[in-house]
Each structure stands twice: as structure tokens, then as C-alpha cells.
């Protein structure tokens, strides 16, 4: 597995800009910082999987999973920006992020064994 650092910086920039958008669109003060940090982290991790990580075999599988989770995180953050509930946001985002990492790890491990 190789990392393209230029694309990683682009993913970081996109994640930072989208996190800034969620910060400015959210009016709830207690959830504003949480959604900003949460969206920045989740978008960066999934965009890094889409743009920056390449593998000799199975790169498309990692990209597909990353795109699916990016879309899920985007929808989730839009919903929580509107309804502004802190406890469900933390739980759902944490579970989804850990599920994404687990799937990515399992795919990487399966590709190494073949």
C-alpha cells in the first residue's frame, strides 16, 4: 500500500473546507465545534481512502468502501446539523467510523493473504 502525499494534502484541504462549511451553517453553540471536528476527521479519513491510498491489487475495493462511507458521513452530518443532538451524534459517528476502519483493515488483510 502506497500513500500519495499530494493527494493526501488535497483530501485534507477538502475536509477542512467542508468542516468550515458545517461550522458556519450550524447555529447551535454546543454542537458547532463537535460537528466541525467530527466532519473534518471523518471526511479526511474517507477522502484519504478515495484519493491518496493506492495498492497493487484491490485499490478499487478500498475506494468504493471509502466513497460509500463518505456519502453516509455527509448525509449524517447534514441531518445532525439540522436536528442538533449531541449524544446520538457521538455514538453514530463513532460506530460508523470504527466500522469503516474495520472494513478497511479486513480488506487490506485479505489482500495481503492472497
PDB file of N, CA and C in Angstrom:
ATOM      1  N   UNK A   1       0.845  -1.164   0.000  1.00  0.00           N
ATOM      2  CA  UNK A   1       0.000   0.000   0.000  1.00  0.00           C
ATOM      3  C   UNK A   1       0.896   1.234   0.000  1.00  0.00           C
ATOM      4  N   UNK A   2       0.569   2.161  -0.894  1.00  0.00           N
ATOM      5  CA  UNK A   2       1.340   3.390  -1.005  1.00  0.00           C
ATOM      6  C   UNK A   2       0.439   4.593  -0.770  1.00  0.00           C
ATOM      7  N   UNK A   3       1.034   5.654  -0.250  1.00  0.00           N
ATOM      8  CA  UNK A   3       0.294   6.884   0.018  1.00  0.00           C
ATOM      9  C   UNK A   3       0.841   7.982  -0.874  1.00  0.00           C
ATOM     10  N   UNK A   4      -0.047   8.624  -1.603  1.00  0.00           N
ATOM     11  CA  UNK A   4       0.305   9.770  -2.431  1.00  0.00           C
ATOM     12  C   UNK A   4       0.116  11.018  -1.564  1.00  0.00           C
ATOM     13  N   UNK A   5       1.209  11.651  -1.193  1.00  0.00           N
ATOM     14  CA  UNK A   5       1.153  12.746  -0.218  1.00  0.00           C
ATOM     15  C   UNK A   5       0.516  14.016  -0.774  1.00  0.00           C
ATOM     16  N   UNK A   6       0.635  14.250  -2.072  1.00  0.00           N
ATOM     17  CA  UNK A   6      -0.019  15.415  -2.669  1.00  0.00           C
ATOM     18  C   UNK A   6      -1.536  15.241  -2.599  1.00  0.00           C
ATOM     19  N   UNK A   7      -2.008  14.051  -2.938  1.00  0.00           N
ATOM     20  CA  UNK A   7      -3.443  13.784  -2.865  1.00  0.00           C
ATOM     21  C   UNK A   7      -3.931  13.779  -1.412  1.00  0.00           C
ATOM     22  N   UNK A   8      -3.065  13.377  -0.490  1.00  0.00           N
ATOM     23  CA  UNK A   8      -3.416  13.419   0.932  1.00  0.00           C
ATOM     24  C   UNK A   8      -3.616  14.860   1.397  1.00  0.00           C
ATOM     25  N   UNK A   9      -2.779  15.779   0.917  1.00  0.00           N
ATOM     26  CA  UNK A   9      -2.954  17.194   1.246  1.00  0.00           C
ATOM     27  C   UNK A   9      -4.224  17.758   0.624  1.00  0.00           C
ATOM     28  N   UNK A  10      -4.559  17.304  -0.578  1.00  0.00           N
ATOM     29  CA  UNK A  10      -5.800  17.739  -1.210  1.00  0.00           C
ATOM     30  C   UNK A  10      -6.998  17.234  -0.406  1.00  0.00           C
ATOM     31  N   UNK A  11      -6.934  15.987   0.048  1.00  0.00           N
ATOM     32  CA  UNK A  11      -8.004  15.432   0.889  1.00  0.00           C
ATOM     33  C   UNK A  11      -8.131  16.232   2.186  1.00  0.00           C
ATOM     34  N   UNK A  12      -7.005  16.626   2.763  1.00  0.00           N
ATOM     35  CA  UNK A  12      -7.025  17.441   3.977  1.00  0.00           C
ATOM     36  C   UNK A  12      -7.671  18.797   3.718  1.00  0.00           C
ATOM     37  N   UNK A  13      -7.355  19.404   2.583  1.00  0.00           N
ATOM     38  CA  UNK A  13      -7.955  20.691   2.235  1.00  0.00           C
ATOM     39  C   UNK A  13      -9.454  20.598   2.024  1.00  0.00           C
ATOM     40  N   UNK A  14      -9.904  19.561   1.318  1.00  0.00           N
ATOM     41  CA  UNK A  14     -11.335  19.372   1.090  1.00  0.00           C
ATOM     42  C   UNK A  14     -12.053  19.140   2.415  1.00  0.00           C
ATOM     43  N   UNK A  15     -11.457  18.319   3.278  1.00  0.00           N
ATOM     44  CA  UNK A  15     -12.062  18.042   4.582  1.00  0.00           C
ATOM     45  C   UNK A  15     -12.137  19.304   5.431  1.00  0.00           C
ATOM     46  N   UNK A  16     -11.086  20.114   5.403  1.00  0.00           N
ATOM     47  CA  UNK A  16     -11.087  21.352   6.187  1.00  0.00           C
ATOM     48  C   UNK A  16     -12.131  22.338   5.675  1.00  0.00           C
ATOM     49  N   UNK A  17     -12.259  22.442   4.368  1.00  0.00           N
ATOM     50  CA  UNK A  17     -13.256  23.353   3.808  1.00  0.00           C
ATOM     51  C   UNK A  17     -14.686  22.887   4.094  1.00  0.00           C
ATOM     52  N   UNK A  18     -14.912  21.591   4.010  1.00  0.00           N
ATOM     53  CA  UNK A  18     -16.257  21.093   4.313  1.00  0.00           C
ATOM     54  C   UNK A  18     -16.563  21.223   5.810  1.00  0.00           C
ATOM     55  N   UNK A  19     -15.564  21.016   6.664  1.00  0.00           N
ATOM     56  CA  UNK A  19     -15.764  21.225   8.103  1.00  0.00           C
ATOM     57  C   UNK A  19     -16.071  22.687   8.387  1.00  0.00           C
ATOM     58  N   UNK A  20     -15.426  23.583   7.674  1.00  0.00           N
ATOM     59  CA  UNK A  20     -15.711  25.006   7.824  1.00  0.00           C
ATOM     60  C   UNK A  20     -17.137  25.330   7.391  1.00  0.00           C
ATOM     61  N   UNK A  21     -17.600  24.660   6.356  1.00  0.00           N
ATOM     62  CA  UNK A  21     -18.980  24.846   5.919  1.00  0.00           C
ATOM     63  C   UNK A  21     -19.976  24.386   6.968  1.00  0.00           C
ATOM     64  N   UNK A  22     -19.703  23.246   7.603  1.00  0.00           N
ATOM     65  CA  UNK A  22     -20.590  22.787   8.673  1.00  0.00           C
ATOM     66  C   UNK A  22     -20.527  23.711   9.880  1.00  0.00           C
ATOM     67  N   UNK A  23     -19.366  24.292  10.144  1.00  0.00           N
ATOM     68  CA  UNK A  23     -19.249  25.232  11.259  1.00  0.00           C
ATOM     69  C   UNK A  23     -20.109  26.463  11.007  1.00  0.00           C
ATOM     70  N   UNK A  24     -20.038  26.999   9.811  1.00  0.00           N
ATOM     71  CA  UNK A  24     -20.777  28.236   9.525  1.00  0.00           C
ATOM     72  C   UNK A  24     -22.275  28.005   9.373  1.00  0.00           C
ATOM     73  N   UNK A  25     -22.679  26.795   8.982  1.00  0.00           N
ATOM     74  CA  UNK A  25     -24.106  26.549   8.791  1.00  0.00           C
ATOM     75  C   UNK A  25     -24.813  26.103  10.065  1.00  0.00           C
ATOM     76  N   UNK A  26     -24.059  25.755  11.094  1.00  0.00           N
ATOM     77  CA  UNK A  26     -24.656  25.257  12.326  1.00  0.00           C
ATOM     78  C   UNK A  26     -24.832  26.410  13.301  1.00  0.00           C
ATOM     79  N   UNK A  27     -26.032  26.527  13.864  1.00  0.00           N
ATOM     80  CA  UNK A  27     -26.290  27.638  14.774  1.00  0.00           C
ATOM     81  C   UNK A  27     -26.204  27.243  16.245  1.00  0.00           C
ATOM     82  N   UNK A  28     -26.245  25.954  16.548  1.00  0.00           N
ATOM     83  CA  UNK A  28     -26.170  25.511  17.937  1.00  0.00           C
ATOM     84  C   UNK A  28     -24.755  25.585  18.458  1.00  0.00           C
ATOM     85  N   UNK A  29     -24.546  26.334  19.514  1.00  0.00           N
ATOM     86  CA  UNK A  29     -23.187  26.591  20.007  1.00  0.00           C
ATOM     87  C   UNK A  29     -22.521  25.344  20.576  1.00  0.00           C
ATOM     88  N   UNK A  30     -23.244  24.508  21.313  1.00  0.00           N
ATOM     89  CA  UNK A  30     -22.614  23.352  21.942  1.00  0.00           C
ATOM     90  C   UNK A  30     -22.259  22.267  20.938  1.00  0.00           C
ATOM     91  N   UNK A  31     -22.992  22.177  19.866  1.00  0.00           N
ATOM     92  CA  UNK A  31     -22.740  21.135  18.873  1.00  0.00           C
ATOM     93  C   UNK A  31     -21.886  21.632  17.716  1.00  0.00           C
ATOM     94  N   UNK A  32     -21.704  22.930  17.617  1.00  0.00           N
ATOM     95  CA  UNK A  32     -20.987  23.521  16.486  1.00  0.00           C
ATOM     96  C   UNK A  32     -19.546  23.010  16.393  1.00  0.00           C
ATOM     97  N   UNK A  33     -18.810  23.035  17.474  1.00  0.00           N
ATOM     98  CA  UNK A  33     -17.421  22.576  17.468  1.00  0.00           C
ATOM     99  C   UNK A  33     -17.352  21.066  17.261  1.00  0.00           C
ATOM    100  N   UNK A  34     -18.268  20.330  17.894  1.00  0.00           N
ATOM    101  CA  UNK A  34     -18.281  18.878  17.762  1.00  0.00           C
ATOM    102  C   UNK A  34     -18.517  18.447  16.316  1.00  0.00           C
ATOM    103  N   UNK A  35     -19.476  19.049  15.648  1.00  0.00           N
ATOM    104  CA  UNK A  35     -19.746  18.697  14.249  1.00  0.00           C
ATOM    105  C   UNK A  35     -18.605  19.157  13.352  1.00  0.00           C
ATOM    106  N   UNK A  36     -17.992  20.276  13.660  1.00  0.00           N
ATOM    107  CA  UNK A  36     -16.863  20.744  12.859  1.00  0.00           C
ATOM    108  C   UNK A  36     -15.699  19.770  12.937  1.00  0.00           C
ATOM    109  N   UNK A  37     -15.321  19.385  14.136  1.00  0.00           N
ATOM    110  CA  UNK A  37     -14.210  18.438  14.302  1.00  0.00           C
ATOM    111  C   UNK A  37     -14.587  17.060  13.761  1.00  0.00           C
ATOM    112  N   UNK A  38     -15.794  16.608  14.061  1.00  0.00           N
ATOM    113  CA  UNK A  38     -16.238  15.303  13.587  1.00  0.00           C
ATOM    114  C   UNK A  38     -16.288  15.209  12.079  1.00  0.00           C
ATOM    115  N   UNK A  39     -16.815  16.242  11.431  1.00  0.00           N
ATOM    116  CA  UNK A  39     -16.871  16.207   9.971  1.00  0.00           C
ATOM    117  C   UNK A  39     -15.480  16.311   9.367  1.00  0.00           C
ATOM    118  N   UNK A  40     -14.624  17.120   9.947  1.00  0.00           N
ATOM    119  CA  UNK A  40     -13.262  17.223   9.427  1.00  0.00           C
ATOM    120  C   UNK A  40     -12.513  15.903   9.499  1.00  0.00           C
ATOM    121  N   UNK A  41     -12.606  15.238  10.633  1.00  0.00           N
ATOM    122  CA  UNK A  41     -11.904  13.959  10.816  1.00  0.00           C
ATOM    123  C   UNK A  41     -12.476  12.877   9.914  1.00  0.00           C
ATOM    124  N   UNK A  42     -13.801  12.730   9.916  1.00  0.00           N
ATOM    125  CA  UNK A  42     -14.403  11.657   9.122  1.00  0.00           C
ATOM    126  C   UNK A  42     -14.237  11.895   7.625  1.00  0.00           C
ATOM    127  N   UNK A  43     -14.380  13.143   7.187  1.00  0.00           N
ATOM    128  CA  UNK A  43     -14.191  13.427   5.769  1.00  0.00           C
ATOM    129  C   UNK A  43     -12.738  13.226   5.352  1.00  0.00           C
ATOM    130  N   UNK A  44     -11.798  13.610   6.205  1.00  0.00           N
ATOM    131  CA  UNK A  44     -10.387  13.414   5.867  1.00  0.00           C
ATOM    132  C   UNK A  44     -10.048  11.929   5.752  1.00  0.00           C
ATOM    133  N   UNK A  45     -10.516  11.142   6.687  1.00  0.00           N
ATOM    134  CA  UNK A  45     -10.186   9.711   6.660  1.00  0.00           C
ATOM    135  C   UNK A  45     -10.782   9.040   5.430  1.00  0.00           C
ATOM    136  N   UNK A  46     -12.044   9.349   5.119  1.00  0.00           N
ATOM    137  CA  UNK A  46     -12.657   8.706   3.957  1.00  0.00           C
ATOM    138  C   UNK A  46     -12.094   9.249   2.647  1.00  0.00           C
ATOM    139  N   UNK A  47     -11.820  10.540   2.573  1.00  0.00           N
ATOM    140  CA  UNK A  47     -11.226  11.081   1.352  1.00  0.00           C
ATOM    141  C   UNK A  47      -9.800  10.603   1.146  1.00  0.00           C
ATOM    142  N   UNK A  48      -9.084  10.354   2.221  1.00  0.00           N
ATOM    143  CA  UNK A  48      -7.745   9.774   2.082  1.00  0.00           C
ATOM    144  C   UNK A  48      -7.845   8.390   1.455  1.00  0.00           C
ATOM    145  N   UNK A  49      -8.858   7.627   1.830  1.00  0.00           N
ATOM    146  CA  UNK A  49      -9.066   6.316   1.221  1.00  0.00           C
ATOM    147  C   UNK A  49      -9.439   6.404  -0.242  1.00  0.00           C
ATOM    148  N   UNK A  50     -10.152   7.459  -0.613  1.00  0.00           N
ATOM    149  CA  UNK A  50     -10.557   7.628  -2.007  1.00  0.00           C
ATOM    150  C   UNK A  50      -9.402   8.149  -2.853  1.00  0.00           C
ATOM    151  N   UNK A  51      -8.715   9.175  -2.376  1.00  0.00           N
ATOM    152  CA  UNK A  51      -7.742   9.877  -3.203  1.00  0.00           C
ATOM    153  C   UNK A  51      -6.295   9.431  -3.029  1.00  0.00           C
ATOM    154  N   UNK A  52      -5.856   9.175  -1.814  1.00  0.00           N
ATOM    155  CA  UNK A  52      -4.426   9.088  -1.542  1.00  0.00           C
ATOM    156  C   UNK A  52      -3.874   7.682  -1.402  1.00  0.00           C
ATOM    157  N   UNK A  53      -4.697   6.705  -1.108  1.00  0.00           N
ATOM    158  CA  UNK A  53      -4.182   5.359  -0.857  1.00  0.00           C
ATOM    159  C   UNK A  53      -4.303   4.519  -2.114  1.00  0.00           C
ATOM    160  N   UNK A  54      -3.187   3.950  -2.533  1.00  0.00           N
ATOM    161  CA  UNK A  54      -3.187   3.051  -3.679  1.00  0.00           C
ATOM    162  C   UNK A  54      -2.532   1.740  -3.273  1.00  0.00           C
ATOM    163  N   UNK A  55      -2.982   0.693  -3.909  1.00  0.00           N
ATOM    164  CA  UNK A  55      -2.456  -0.632  -3.636  1.00  0.00           C
ATOM    165  C   UNK A  55      -2.251  -1.332  -4.958  1.00  0.00           C
ATOM    166  N   UNK A  56      -1.381  -2.311  -4.971  1.00  0.00           N
ATOM    167  CA  UNK A  56      -1.125  -3.023  -6.215  1.00  0.00           C
ATOM    168  C   UNK A  56      -2.326  -3.853  -6.639  1.00  0.00           C
ATOM    169  N   UNK A  57      -3.077  -4.352  -5.681  1.00  0.00           N
ATOM    170  CA  UNK A  57      -4.290  -5.097  -6.012  1.00  0.00           C
ATOM    171  C   UNK A  57      -5.393  -4.687  -5.045  1.00  0.00           C
ATOM    172  N   UNK A  58      -6.571  -4.499  -5.554  1.00  0.00           N
ATOM    173  CA  UNK A  58      -7.704  -4.202  -4.699  1.00  0.00           C
ATOM    174  C   UNK A  58      -7.888  -2.748  -4.339  1.00  0.00           C
ATOM    175  N   UNK A  59      -7.284  -1.823  -5.078  1.00  0.00           N
ATOM    176  CA  UNK A  59      -7.457  -0.404  -4.786  1.00  0.00           C
ATOM    177  C   UNK A  59      -8.895   0.018  -4.995  1.00  0.00           C
ATOM    178  N   UNK A  60      -9.544  -0.552  -5.996  1.00  0.00           N
ATOM    179  CA  UNK A  60     -10.923  -0.151  -6.276  1.00  0.00           C
ATOM    180  C   UNK A  60     -11.852  -0.532  -5.133  1.00  0.00           C
ATOM    181  N   UNK A  61     -11.597  -1.643  -4.443  1.00  0.00           N
ATOM    182  CA  UNK A  61     -12.432  -2.036  -3.311  1.00  0.00           C
ATOM    183  C   UNK A  61     -12.340  -1.028  -2.174  1.00  0.00           C
ATOM    184  N   UNK A  62     -11.142  -0.572  -1.886  1.00  0.00           N
ATOM    185  CA  UNK A  62     -10.951   0.418  -0.828  1.00  0.00           C
ATOM    186  C   UNK A  62     -11.609   1.732  -1.223  1.00  0.00           C
ATOM    187  N   UNK A  63     -11.512   2.108  -2.478  1.00  0.00           N
ATOM    188  CA  UNK A  63     -12.135   3.342  -2.939  1.00  0.00           C
ATOM    189  C   UNK A  63     -13.657   3.280  -2.878  1.00  0.00           C
ATOM    190  N   UNK A  64     -14.218   2.145  -3.245  1.00  0.00           N
ATOM    191  CA  UNK A  64     -15.678   2.005  -3.203  1.00  0.00           C
ATOM    192  C   UNK A  64     -16.189   2.119  -1.770  1.00  0.00           C
ATOM    193  N   UNK A  65     -15.542   1.417  -0.852  1.00  0.00           N
ATOM    194  CA  UNK A  65     -15.948   1.498   0.558  1.00  0.00           C
ATOM    195  C   UNK A  65     -15.770   2.927   1.082  1.00  0.00           C
ATOM    196  N   UNK A  66     -14.692   3.581   0.695  1.00  0.00           N
ATOM    197  CA  UNK A  66     -14.451   4.954   1.149  1.00  0.00           C
ATOM    198  C   UNK A  66     -15.505   5.912   0.602  1.00  0.00           C
ATOM    199  N   UNK A  67     -15.885   5.753  -0.653  1.00  0.00           N
ATOM    200  CA  UNK A  67     -16.914   6.615  -1.240  1.00  0.00           C
ATOM    201  C   UNK A  67     -18.256   6.390  -0.549  1.00  0.00           C
ATOM    202  N   UNK A  68     -18.601   5.137  -0.304  1.00  0.00           N
ATOM    203  CA  UNK A  68     -19.866   4.827   0.368  1.00  0.00           C
ATOM    204  C   UNK A  68     -19.897   5.463   1.756  1.00  0.00           C
ATOM    205  N   UNK A  69     -18.812   5.301   2.524  1.00  0.00           N
ATOM    206  CA  UNK A  69     -18.791   5.872   3.865  1.00  0.00           C
ATOM    207  C   UNK A  69     -18.717   7.393   3.829  1.00  0.00           C
ATOM    208  N   UNK A  70     -18.068   7.982   2.832  1.00  0.00           N
ATOM    209  CA  UNK A  70     -18.056   9.435   2.704  1.00  0.00           C
ATOM    210  C   UNK A  70     -19.477   9.962   2.514  1.00  0.00           C
ATOM    211  N   UNK A  71     -20.246   9.308   1.648  1.00  0.00           N
ATOM    212  CA  UNK A  71     -21.621   9.720   1.404  1.00  0.00           C
ATOM    213  C   UNK A  71     -22.468   9.543   2.665  1.00  0.00           C
ATOM    214  N   UNK A  72     -22.267   8.423   3.368  1.00  0.00           N
ATOM    215  CA  UNK A  72     -23.004   8.188   4.612  1.00  0.00           C
ATOM    216  C   UNK A  72     -22.668   9.258   5.646  1.00  0.00           C
ATOM    217  N   UNK A  73     -21.378   9.580   5.795  1.00  0.00           N
ATOM    218  CA  UNK A  73     -20.979  10.615   6.754  1.00  0.00           C
ATOM    219  C   UNK A  73     -21.526  11.985   6.348  1.00  0.00           C
ATOM    220  N   UNK A  74     -21.549  12.279   5.066  1.00  0.00           N
ATOM    221  CA  UNK A  74     -22.078  13.555   4.600  1.00  0.00           C
ATOM    222  C   UNK A  74     -23.558  13.685   4.937  1.00  0.00           C
ATOM    223  N   UNK A  75     -24.326  12.639   4.653  1.00  0.00           N
ATOM    224  CA  UNK A  75     -25.753  12.649   4.984  1.00  0.00           C
ATOM    225  C   UNK A  75     -25.958  12.755   6.492  1.00  0.00           C
ATOM    226  N   UNK A  76     -25.156  12.003   7.245  1.00  0.00           N
ATOM    227  CA  UNK A  76     -25.271  12.041   8.701  1.00  0.00           C
ATOM    228  C   UNK A  76     -24.996  13.435   9.255  1.00  0.00           C
ATOM    229  N   UNK A  77     -23.968  14.091   8.742  1.00  0.00           N
ATOM    230  CA  UNK A  77     -23.632  15.417   9.256  1.00  0.00           C
ATOM    231  C   UNK A  77     -24.681  16.451   8.859  1.00  0.00           C
ATOM    232  N   UNK A  78     -25.263  16.310   7.691  1.00  0.00           N
ATOM    233  CA  UNK A  78     -26.343  17.221   7.307  1.00  0.00           C
ATOM    234  C   UNK A  78     -27.537  17.042   8.242  1.00  0.00           C
ATOM    235  N   UNK A  79     -27.885  15.794   8.515  1.00  0.00           N
ATOM    236  CA  UNK A  79     -29.023  15.529   9.408  1.00  0.00           C
ATOM    237  C   UNK A  79     -28.756  16.072  10.813  1.00  0.00           C
ATOM    238  N   UNK A  80     -27.548  15.811  11.345  1.00  0.00           N
ATOM    239  CA  UNK A  80     -27.263  16.276  12.699  1.00  0.00           C
ATOM    240  C   UNK A  80     -27.044  17.783  12.768  1.00  0.00           C
ATOM    241  N   UNK A  81     -26.700  18.413  11.663  1.00  0.00           N
ATOM    242  CA  UNK A  81     -26.621  19.876  11.660  1.00  0.00           C
ATOM    243  C   UNK A  81     -28.000  20.494  11.793  1.00  0.00           C
ATOM    244  N   UNK A  82     -28.993  19.801  11.252  1.00  0.00           N
ATOM    245  CA  UNK A  82     -30.363  20.316  11.328  1.00  0.00           C
ATOM    246  C   UNK A  82     -30.978  20.028  12.692  1.00  0.00           C
ATOM    247  N   UNK A  83     -30.844  18.786  13.166  1.00  0.00           N
ATOM    248  CA  UNK A  83     -31.538  18.389  14.390  1.00  0.00           C
ATOM    249  C   UNK A  83     -30.733  18.613  15.665  1.00  0.00           C
ATOM    250  N   UNK A  84     -29.420  18.725  15.584  1.00  0.00           N
ATOM    251  CA  UNK A  84     -28.533  19.096  16.687  1.00  0.00           C
ATOM    252  C   UNK A  84     -28.756  18.303  17.973  1.00  0.00           C
ATOM    253  N   UNK A  85     -28.438  17.049  17.959  1.00  0.00           N
ATOM    254  CA  UNK A  85     -28.463  16.208  19.162  1.00  0.00           C
ATOM    255  C   UNK A  85     -27.055  15.659  19.374  1.00  0.00           C
ATOM    256  N   UNK A  86     -26.469  15.907  20.526  1.00  0.00           N
ATOM    257  CA  UNK A  86     -25.071  15.576  20.752  1.00  0.00           C
ATOM    258  C   UNK A  86     -24.829  14.094  21.014  1.00  0.00           C
ATOM    259  N   UNK A  87     -25.578  13.476  21.888  1.00  0.00           N
ATOM    260  CA  UNK A  87     -25.308  12.089  22.281  1.00  0.00           C
ATOM    261  C   UNK A  87     -25.464  11.108  21.120  1.00  0.00           C
ATOM    262  N   UNK A  88     -26.573  11.172  20.363  1.00  0.00           N
ATOM    263  CA  UNK A  88     -26.673  10.252  19.227  1.00  0.00           C
ATOM    264  C   UNK A  88     -25.604  10.509  18.162  1.00  0.00           C
ATOM    265  N   UNK A  89     -25.216  11.778  18.005  1.00  0.00           N
ATOM    266  CA  UNK A  89     -24.176  12.101  17.024  1.00  0.00           C
ATOM    267  C   UNK A  89     -22.861  11.415  17.369  1.00  0.00           C
ATOM    268  N   UNK A  90     -22.466  11.489  18.611  1.00  0.00           N
ATOM    269  CA  UNK A  90     -21.202  10.882  19.030  1.00  0.00           C
ATOM    270  C   UNK A  90     -21.245   9.374  18.835  1.00  0.00           C
ATOM    271  N   UNK A  91     -22.333   8.746  19.244  1.00  0.00           N
ATOM    272  CA  UNK A  91     -22.437   7.284  19.144  1.00  0.00           C
ATOM    273  C   UNK A  91     -22.470   6.835  17.689  1.00  0.00           C
ATOM    274  N   UNK A  92     -23.321   7.440  16.880  1.00  0.00           N
ATOM    275  CA  UNK A  92     -23.470   7.010  15.485  1.00  0.00           C
ATOM    276  C   UNK A  92     -22.197   7.277  14.696  1.00  0.00           C
ATOM    277  N   UNK A  93     -21.599   8.435  14.868  1.00  0.00           N
ATOM    278  CA  UNK A  93     -20.363   8.746  14.151  1.00  0.00           C
ATOM    279  C   UNK A  93     -19.236   7.811  14.577  1.00  0.00           C
ATOM    280  N   UNK A  94     -19.121   7.545  15.865  1.00  0.00           N
ATOM    281  CA  UNK A  94     -18.082   6.634  16.350  1.00  0.00           C
ATOM    282  C   UNK A  94     -18.245   5.223  15.822  1.00  0.00           C
ATOM    283  N   UNK A  95     -19.475   4.720  15.833  1.00  0.00           N
ATOM    284  CA  UNK A  95     -19.727   3.363  15.337  1.00  0.00           C
ATOM    285  C   UNK A  95     -19.440   3.279  13.837  1.00  0.00           C
ATOM    286  N   UNK A  96     -19.898   4.272  13.081  1.00  0.00           N
ATOM    287  CA  UNK A  96     -19.648   4.255  11.641  1.00  0.00           C
ATOM    288  C   UNK A  96     -18.161   4.365  11.309  1.00  0.00           C
ATOM    289  N   UNK A  97     -17.453   5.197  12.046  1.00  0.00           N
ATOM    290  CA  UNK A  97     -16.018   5.349  11.798  1.00  0.00           C
ATOM    291  C   UNK A  97     -15.263   4.065  12.135  1.00  0.00           C
ATOM    292  N   UNK A  98     -15.607   3.431  13.233  1.00  0.00           N
ATOM    293  CA  UNK A  98     -14.966   2.169  13.592  1.00  0.00           C
ATOM    294  C   UNK A  98     -15.321   1.054  12.609  1.00  0.00           C
ATOM    295  N   UNK A  99     -16.542   1.069  12.101  1.00  0.00           N
ATOM    296  CA  UNK A  99     -16.938   0.093  11.086  1.00  0.00           C
ATOM    297  C   UNK A  99     -16.152   0.294   9.793  1.00  0.00           C
ATOM    298  N   UNK A 100     -15.954   1.552   9.421  1.00  0.00           N
ATOM    299  CA  UNK A 100     -15.139   1.856   8.233  1.00  0.00           C
ATOM    300  C   UNK A 100     -13.700   1.384   8.408  1.00  0.00           C
ATOM    301  N   UNK A 101     -13.121   1.664   9.548  1.00  0.00           N
ATOM    302  CA  UNK A 101     -11.743   1.230   9.814  1.00  0.00           C
ATOM    303  C   UNK A 101     -11.652  -0.293   9.834  1.00  0.00           C
ATOM    304  N   UNK A 102     -12.635  -0.955  10.435  1.00  0.00           N
ATOM    305  CA  UNK A 102     -12.660  -2.414  10.473  1.00  0.00           C
ATOM    306  C   UNK A 102     -12.745  -3.009   9.072  1.00  0.00           C
ATOM    307  N   UNK A 103     -13.623  -2.471   8.226  1.00  0.00           N
ATOM    308  CA  UNK A 103     -13.738  -2.975   6.863  1.00  0.00           C
ATOM    309  C   UNK A 103     -12.456  -2.732   6.066  1.00  0.00           C
ATOM    310  N   UNK A 104     -11.868  -1.564   6.233  1.00  0.00           N
ATOM    311  CA  UNK A 104     -10.612  -1.272   5.547  1.00  0.00           C
ATOM    312  C   UNK A 104      -9.487  -2.195   5.992  1.00  0.00           C
ATOM    313  N   UNK A 105      -9.412  -2.452   7.275  1.00  0.00           N
ATOM    314  CA  UNK A 105      -8.403  -3.357   7.805  1.00  0.00           C
ATOM    315  C   UNK A 105      -8.618  -4.781   7.289  1.00  0.00           C
ATOM    316  N   UNK A 106      -9.869  -5.225   7.293  1.00  0.00           N
ATOM    317  CA  UNK A 106     -10.173  -6.575   6.814  1.00  0.00           C
ATOM    318  C   UNK A 106      -9.852  -6.722   5.336  1.00  0.00           C
ATOM    319  N   UNK A 107     -10.144  -5.703   4.549  1.00  0.00           N
ATOM    320  CA  UNK A 107      -9.819  -5.761   3.116  1.00  0.00           C
ATOM    321  C   UNK A 107      -8.312  -5.786   2.891  1.00  0.00           C
ATOM    322  N   UNK A 108      -7.601  -4.959   3.614  1.00  0.00           N
ATOM    323  CA  UNK A 108      -6.147  -4.921   3.477  1.00  0.00           C
ATOM    324  C   UNK A 108      -5.532  -6.247   3.889  1.00  0.00           C
ATOM    325  N   UNK A 109      -6.019  -6.803   4.949  1.00  0.00           N
ATOM    326  CA  UNK A 109      -5.523  -8.097   5.434  1.00  0.00           C
ATOM    327  C   UNK A 109      -5.821  -9.215   4.437  1.00  0.00           C
ATOM    328  N   UNK A 110      -7.012  -9.208   3.865  1.00  0.00           N
ATOM    329  CA  UNK A 110      -7.385 -10.233   2.886  1.00  0.00           C
ATOM    330  C   UNK A 110      -6.536 -10.121   1.623  1.00  0.00           C
ATOM    331  N   UNK A 111      -6.205  -8.885   1.207  1.00  0.00           N
ATOM    332  CA  UNK A 111      -5.380  -8.713   0.029  1.00  0.00           C
ATOM    333  C   UNK A 111      -3.950  -9.154   0.261  1.00  0.00           C
ATOM    334  N   UNK A 112      -3.456  -8.971   1.475  1.00  0.00           N
ATOM    335  CA  UNK A 112      -2.093  -9.409   1.794  1.00  0.00           C
ATOM    336  C   UNK A 112      -1.984 -10.932   1.830  1.00  0.00           C
ATOM    337  N   UNK A 113      -3.042 -11.605   2.227  1.00  0.00           N
ATOM    338  CA  UNK A 113      -3.009 -13.072   2.299  1.00  0.00           C
ATOM    339  C   UNK A 113      -3.103 -13.728   0.938  1.00  0.00           C
ATOM    340  N   UNK A 114      -3.635 -13.027  -0.056  1.00  0.00           N
ATOM    341  CA  UNK A 114      -3.753 -13.622  -1.392  1.00  0.00           C
ATOM    342  C   UNK A 114      -2.547 -13.408  -2.225  1.00  0.00           C
TER     343      UNK A 114
END
